[in-house]
Amino acid sequence: MLSGKHCVQELYNANPEKLNDADFVKQALTQASLVASATLLDVTVHSFPVQGVTGFALLAESHISIHSWPESGYAAVDVFTCGETTDPEQACAFLAEAFEARSQHIITLDRYIPDFIKPVATTCLDRMDTKPHTICERRTAITV
């Protein structure tokens, strides 16, 4: 069963000022989650003393992360979303444009739950604090 898509993206020859701007990175991660139709739960960024920024967007559907090397115009990006209602590839396209990357490399993996993992229980809770939606937590057990 398909559980989601996982994109590993490398941005090359990107704008060094944007790659080194923690506020811009935070805004870009926030916007990328919207473009992917994902539910943003939290965003955190860290600027390194000399240069570079690491950012992480926690999504109800998984995550988006970035680590930048402004001195090289390079960023490593990871976008993983679960379910069929999100589009991590759109988040990648947005990030490449936002950081003005002249080129990029993306590997997209379809993530599958193996047939030998059987659902044990499902619990859902309604969250109304960000937007109306349902988050389901699925507990699984591996049977060998």
C-alpha atoms as a PDB file:
ATOM      1  CA  MET A   1       0.000   0.000   0.000  1.00  0.00           C
ATOM      2  CA  LEU A   2       1.357   3.427  -0.985  1.00  0.00           C
ATOM      3  CA  SER A   3       1.998   5.500   2.148  1.00  0.00           C
ATOM      4  CA  GLY A   4       3.478   8.633   0.575  1.00  0.00           C
ATOM      5  CA  LYS A   5       6.148  10.268  -1.541  1.00  0.00           C
ATOM      6  CA  HIS A   6       9.642  11.226  -0.479  1.00  0.00           C
ATOM      7  CA  CYS A   7      11.626  13.762  -2.519  1.00  0.00           C
ATOM      8  CA  VAL A   8      15.331  14.319  -2.021  1.00  0.00           C
ATOM      9  CA  GLN A   9      16.335  17.541  -3.761  1.00  0.00           C
ATOM     10  CA  GLU A  10      19.626  19.300  -4.324  1.00  0.00           C
ATOM     11  CA  LEU A  11      19.656  22.962  -5.328  1.00  0.00           C
ATOM     12  CA  TYR A  12      22.703  24.229  -7.224  1.00  0.00           C
ATOM     13  CA  ASN A  13      23.868  27.782  -7.950  1.00  0.00           C
ATOM     14  CA  ALA A  14      21.132  29.224  -5.753  1.00  0.00           C
ATOM     15  CA  ASN A  15      21.009  32.760  -4.380  1.00  0.00           C
ATOM     16  CA  PRO A  16      23.573  32.882  -1.524  1.00  0.00           C
ATOM     17  CA  GLU A  17      21.826  35.757   0.286  1.00  0.00           C
ATOM     18  CA  LYS A  18      18.522  33.865   0.381  1.00  0.00           C
ATOM     19  CA  LEU A  19      20.263  30.651   1.461  1.00  0.00           C
ATOM     20  CA  ASN A  20      21.817  32.532   4.376  1.00  0.00           C
ATOM     21  CA  ASP A  21      18.663  34.412   5.475  1.00  0.00           C
ATOM     22  CA  ALA A  22      16.907  32.523   8.297  1.00  0.00           C
ATOM     23  CA  ASP A  23      13.716  34.603   7.962  1.00  0.00           C
ATOM     24  CA  PHE A  24      13.570  33.902   4.227  1.00  0.00           C
ATOM     25  CA  VAL A  25      14.170  30.176   4.802  1.00  0.00           C
ATOM     26  CA  LYS A  26      11.324  30.108   7.343  1.00  0.00           C
ATOM     27  CA  GLN A  27       8.970  31.890   4.938  1.00  0.00           C
ATOM     28  CA  ALA A  28       9.975  29.562   2.092  1.00  0.00           C
ATOM     29  CA  LEU A  29       9.327  26.439   4.188  1.00  0.00           C
ATOM     30  CA  THR A  30       5.953  27.837   5.245  1.00  0.00           C
ATOM     31  CA  GLN A  31       4.953  28.614   1.664  1.00  0.00           C
ATOM     32  CA  ALA A  32       6.275  25.262   0.378  1.00  0.00           C
ATOM     33  CA  SER A  33       3.982  23.429   2.803  1.00  0.00           C
ATOM     34  CA  LEU A  34       0.992  25.381   1.446  1.00  0.00           C
ATOM     35  CA  VAL A  35       1.991  24.707  -2.164  1.00  0.00           C
ATOM     36  CA  ALA A  36       2.211  20.984  -1.327  1.00  0.00           C
ATOM     37  CA  SER A  37      -1.328  21.113   0.196  1.00  0.00           C
ATOM     38  CA  ALA A  38       0.140  19.976   3.509  1.00  0.00           C
ATOM     39  CA  THR A  39      -0.851  20.930   7.056  1.00  0.00           C
ATOM     40  CA  LEU A  40       1.900  22.964   8.694  1.00  0.00           C
ATOM     41  CA  LEU A  41       2.264  22.299  12.427  1.00  0.00           C
ATOM     42  CA  ASP A  42       5.498  24.168  13.187  1.00  0.00           C
ATOM     43  CA  VAL A  43       8.604  25.662  11.565  1.00  0.00           C
ATOM     44  CA  THR A  44      12.003  26.127  13.141  1.00  0.00           C
ATOM     45  CA  VAL A  45      15.239  27.481  11.684  1.00  0.00           C
ATOM     46  CA  HIS A  46      18.795  27.797  12.940  1.00  0.00           C
ATOM     47  CA  SER A  47      21.490  30.115  11.579  1.00  0.00           C
ATOM     48  CA  PHE A  48      25.081  29.003  11.949  1.00  0.00           C
ATOM     49  CA  PRO A  49      27.629  31.565  13.262  1.00  0.00           C
ATOM     50  CA  VAL A  50      29.667  31.894  10.075  1.00  0.00           C
ATOM     51  CA  GLN A  51      27.034  31.074   7.452  1.00  0.00           C
ATOM     52  CA  GLY A  52      24.355  28.576   6.557  1.00  0.00           C
ATOM     53  CA  VAL A  53      20.846  27.852   7.740  1.00  0.00           C
ATOM     54  CA  THR A  54      19.048  24.659   8.696  1.00  0.00           C
ATOM     55  CA  GLY A  55      15.263  24.691   8.646  1.00  0.00           C
ATOM     56  CA  PHE A  56      12.582  22.174   9.458  1.00  0.00           C
ATOM     57  CA  ALA A  57       8.841  22.306   8.789  1.00  0.00           C
ATOM     58  CA  LEU A  58       6.855  19.793  10.801  1.00  0.00           C
ATOM     59  CA  LEU A  59       3.787  18.711   8.844  1.00  0.00           C
ATOM     60  CA  ALA A  60       0.803  16.654   9.916  1.00  0.00           C
ATOM     61  CA  GLU A  61       1.717  14.560   6.866  1.00  0.00           C
ATOM     62  CA  SER A  62       5.487  14.398   7.694  1.00  0.00           C
ATOM     63  CA  HIS A  63       8.172  17.081   7.046  1.00  0.00           C
ATOM     64  CA  ILE A  64      10.166  19.449   4.845  1.00  0.00           C
ATOM     65  CA  SER A  65      13.805  20.156   5.724  1.00  0.00           C
ATOM     66  CA  ILE A  66      16.615  22.227   4.240  1.00  0.00           C
ATOM     67  CA  HIS A  67      20.288  22.701   4.996  1.00  0.00           C
ATOM     68  CA  SER A  68      22.175  25.414   3.111  1.00  0.00           C
ATOM     69  CA  TRP A  69      25.758  26.125   2.142  1.00  0.00           C
ATOM     70  CA  PRO A  70      25.519  29.736   0.913  1.00  0.00           C
ATOM     71  CA  GLU A  71      29.238  29.894   0.111  1.00  0.00           C
ATOM     72  CA  SER A  72      28.624  27.188  -2.512  1.00  0.00           C
ATOM     73  CA  GLY A  73      25.125  28.266  -3.602  1.00  0.00           C
ATOM     74  CA  TYR A  74      23.969  24.800  -2.528  1.00  0.00           C
ATOM     75  CA  ALA A  75      21.068  23.471  -0.472  1.00  0.00           C
ATOM     76  CA  ALA A  76      20.035  19.938   0.450  1.00  0.00           C
ATOM     77  CA  VAL A  77      16.239  19.568   0.712  1.00  0.00           C
ATOM     78  CA  ASP A  78      14.099  16.694   1.948  1.00  0.00           C
ATOM     79  CA  VAL A  79      10.310  16.624   1.459  1.00  0.00           C
ATOM     80  CA  PHE A  80       8.277  13.659   2.692  1.00  0.00           C
ATOM     81  CA  THR A  81       4.493  13.599   2.746  1.00  0.00           C
ATOM     82  CA  CYS A  82       2.132  10.783   3.599  1.00  0.00           C
ATOM     83  CA  GLY A  83      -1.214  10.161   1.976  1.00  0.00           C
ATOM     84  CA  GLU A  84      -2.621  11.015  -1.412  1.00  0.00           C
ATOM     85  CA  THR A  85      -3.755  14.613  -0.862  1.00  0.00           C
ATOM     86  CA  THR A  86      -0.312  16.244  -0.780  1.00  0.00           C
ATOM     87  CA  ASP A  87       2.225  16.891  -3.529  1.00  0.00           C
ATOM     88  CA  PRO A  88       5.853  17.062  -2.360  1.00  0.00           C
ATOM     89  CA  GLU A  89       7.060  17.611  -5.930  1.00  0.00           C
ATOM     90  CA  GLN A  90       5.201  20.945  -5.988  1.00  0.00           C
ATOM     91  CA  ALA A  91       7.013  21.949  -2.790  1.00  0.00           C
ATOM     92  CA  CYS A  92      10.335  21.120  -4.480  1.00  0.00           C
ATOM     93  CA  ALA A  93       9.454  23.167  -7.566  1.00  0.00           C
ATOM     94  CA  PHE A  94       8.512  26.099  -5.336  1.00  0.00           C
ATOM     95  CA  LEU A  95      11.750  25.890  -3.319  1.00  0.00           C
ATOM     96  CA  ALA A  96      13.919  25.763  -6.464  1.00  0.00           C
ATOM     97  CA  GLU A  97      12.227  28.929  -7.704  1.00  0.00           C
ATOM     98  CA  ALA A  98      12.233  30.675  -4.319  1.00  0.00           C
ATOM     99  CA  PHE A  99      15.973  30.161  -3.861  1.00  0.00           C
ATOM    100  CA  GLU A 100      16.633  31.025  -7.513  1.00  0.00           C
ATOM    101  CA  ALA A 101      18.463  27.749  -8.171  1.00  0.00           C
ATOM    102  CA  ARG A 102      19.933  27.617 -11.660  1.00  0.00           C
ATOM    103  CA  SER A 103      19.803  23.823 -11.569  1.00  0.00           C
ATOM    104  CA  GLN A 104      18.581  21.041  -9.341  1.00  0.00           C
ATOM    105  CA  HIS A 105      18.548  17.296  -8.914  1.00  0.00           C
ATOM    106  CA  ILE A 106      15.546  15.457  -7.468  1.00  0.00           C
ATOM    107  CA  ILE A 107      15.047  11.829  -6.561  1.00  0.00           C
ATOM    108  CA  THR A 108      11.431  10.891  -5.841  1.00  0.00           C
ATOM    109  CA  LEU A 109      10.628   7.697  -3.974  1.00  0.00           C
ATOM    110  CA  ASP A 110       7.202   6.162  -3.548  1.00  0.00           C
ATOM    111  CA  ARG A 111       6.988   4.932   0.043  1.00  0.00           C
ATOM    112  CA  TYR A 112       5.037   1.720   0.606  1.00  0.00           C
ATOM    113  CA  ILE A 113       3.865  -0.051   3.710  1.00  0.00           C
ATOM    114  CA  PRO A 114       4.814  -3.693   3.188  1.00  0.00           C
ATOM    115  CA  ASP A 115       2.013  -6.248   3.142  1.00  0.00           C
ATOM    116  CA  PHE A 116       3.498  -8.021   6.169  1.00  0.00           C
ATOM    117  CA  ILE A 117       2.744  -4.961   8.352  1.00  0.00           C
ATOM    118  CA  LYS A 118      -0.864  -5.225   9.466  1.00  0.00           C
ATOM    119  CA  PRO A 119      -2.874  -2.345  10.980  1.00  0.00           C
ATOM    120  CA  VAL A 120      -3.584  -2.900  14.670  1.00  0.00           C
ATOM    121  CA  ALA A 121      -5.749   0.115  15.499  1.00  0.00           C
ATOM    122  CA  THR A 122      -6.664   3.534  14.169  1.00  0.00           C
ATOM    123  CA  THR A 123      -7.543   6.536  16.305  1.00  0.00           C
ATOM    124  CA  CYS A 124      -8.593   9.928  14.963  1.00  0.00           C
ATOM    125  CA  LEU A 125      -8.943  13.295  16.560  1.00  0.00           C
ATOM    126  CA  ASP A 126     -10.352  16.478  15.114  1.00  0.00           C
ATOM    127  CA  ARG A 127      -8.126  19.534  15.184  1.00  0.00           C
ATOM    128  CA  MET A 128      -9.698  22.907  14.588  1.00  0.00           C
ATOM    129  CA  ASP A 129      -6.751  25.124  15.589  1.00  0.00           C
ATOM    130  CA  THR A 130      -5.201  25.476  12.103  1.00  0.00           C
ATOM    131  CA  LYS A 131      -7.971  24.422   9.724  1.00  0.00           C
ATOM    132  CA  PRO A 132     -10.709  21.811   9.772  1.00  0.00           C
ATOM    133  CA  HIS A 133      -9.162  18.416   9.086  1.00  0.00           C
ATOM    134  CA  THR A 134      -8.783  15.006  10.621  1.00  0.00           C
ATOM    135  CA  ILE A 135      -5.471  13.555  11.684  1.00  0.00           C
ATOM    136  CA  CYS A 136      -5.392   9.802  12.053  1.00  0.00           C
ATOM    137  CA  GLU A 137      -2.722   7.923  13.890  1.00  0.00           C
ATOM    138  CA  ARG A 138      -2.297   4.381  12.658  1.00  0.00           C
ATOM    139  CA  ARG A 139      -0.664   1.876  14.949  1.00  0.00           C
ATOM    140  CA  THR A 140       0.952  -1.044  13.196  1.00  0.00           C
ATOM    141  CA  ALA A 141       2.520  -4.317  14.148  1.00  0.00           C
ATOM    142  CA  ILE A 142       5.005  -6.328  12.162  1.00  0.00           C
ATOM    143  CA  THR A 143       4.041  -9.938  11.748  1.00  0.00           C
ATOM    144  CA  VAL A 144       6.774 -12.265  10.617  1.00  0.00           C
END
